[in-house]
Amino acid sequence: MVAAHADLRNIPGGDIDDAVRRSAQLDHYCAEIGRDPALSARIIVLQVSQKQPTQDAIGKAIDASHS
């Protein structure tokens, strides 16, 4: 459904590795139906944490989006 119709994919929780996996799945599904995966923006919700500073989480998410 997302691959065929959505312009935005929101991934809650801040698990960057999971977001990368889900994003790859969306790319795969888009390819199956012939839709450009770039037409569906992806958003991940990053939580503020004492254990992992927010800047580190943002940097990791940005790095993941370029891989």
Protein backbone atom coordinates (compact mmCIF):
# COMPACT_ATOMS: atom_id res chain seq x y z
CA MET A 1 0.00 0.00 0.00
CA VAL A 2 2.78 2.45 0.92
CA ALA A 3 4.78 1.65 -2.22
CA ALA A 4 1.79 2.25 -4.45
CA HIS A 5 0.20 5.29 -2.84
CA ALA A 6 2.16 7.04 -0.09
CA ASP A 7 4.21 10.19 -0.51
CA LEU A 8 5.56 9.83 3.02
CA ARG A 9 6.66 6.91 5.20
CA ASN A 10 6.92 7.65 8.94
CA ILE A 11 8.97 5.19 11.01
CA PRO A 12 8.48 5.77 14.75
CA GLY A 13 10.85 4.68 17.46
CA GLY A 14 14.31 5.79 16.46
CA ASP A 15 15.77 2.34 15.70
CA ILE A 16 17.96 3.41 12.80
CA ASP A 17 18.93 -0.10 11.73
CA ASP A 18 15.24 -1.03 11.56
CA ALA A 19 14.49 2.15 9.59
CA VAL A 20 17.21 1.27 7.08
CA ARG A 21 15.75 -2.24 6.71
CA ARG A 22 12.22 -0.89 6.23
CA SER A 23 13.44 1.68 3.74
CA ALA A 24 15.16 -1.04 1.70
CA GLN A 25 11.90 -3.04 1.75
CA LEU A 26 10.01 -0.01 0.47
CA ASP A 27 12.58 0.42 -2.33
CA HIS A 28 12.07 -3.23 -3.26
CA TYR A 29 8.29 -2.97 -3.31
CA CYS A 30 8.45 0.24 -5.38
CA ALA A 31 10.72 -1.51 -7.89
CA GLU A 32 8.25 -4.40 -8.13
CA ILE A 33 5.44 -2.07 -9.19
CA GLY A 34 7.59 0.31 -11.23
CA ARG A 35 7.35 3.34 -8.94
CA ASP A 36 10.31 5.60 -8.27
CA PRO A 37 11.13 5.09 -4.56
CA ALA A 38 12.30 8.69 -4.32
CA LEU A 39 8.63 9.73 -4.58
CA SER A 40 8.05 8.44 -1.04
CA ALA A 41 9.85 10.51 1.61
CA ARG A 42 11.01 8.65 4.69
CA ILE A 43 10.91 10.10 8.21
CA ILE A 44 12.31 8.55 11.38
CA VAL A 45 11.37 9.79 14.84
CA LEU A 46 14.48 10.09 17.00
CA GLN A 47 14.02 10.07 20.73
CA VAL A 48 16.15 12.11 23.10
CA SER A 49 18.23 9.76 25.23
CA GLN A 50 20.76 10.07 28.04
CA LYS A 51 22.59 6.99 26.72
CA GLN A 52 22.91 8.16 23.11
CA PRO A 53 23.19 11.91 22.67
CA THR A 54 20.71 13.32 20.17
CA GLN A 55 23.48 14.67 17.90
CA ASP A 56 24.94 11.16 17.61
CA ALA A 57 21.53 9.72 16.68
CA ILE A 58 21.00 12.41 14.04
CA GLY A 59 24.48 11.78 12.61
CA LYS A 60 23.86 8.04 12.45
CA ALA A 61 20.49 8.60 10.71
CA ILE A 62 22.08 10.94 8.16
CA ASP A 63 24.90 8.46 7.49
CA ALA A 64 22.36 5.66 7.03
CA SER A 65 20.38 7.71 4.53
CA HIS A 66 23.47 8.04 2.34
CA SER A 67 24.30 4.34 2.29
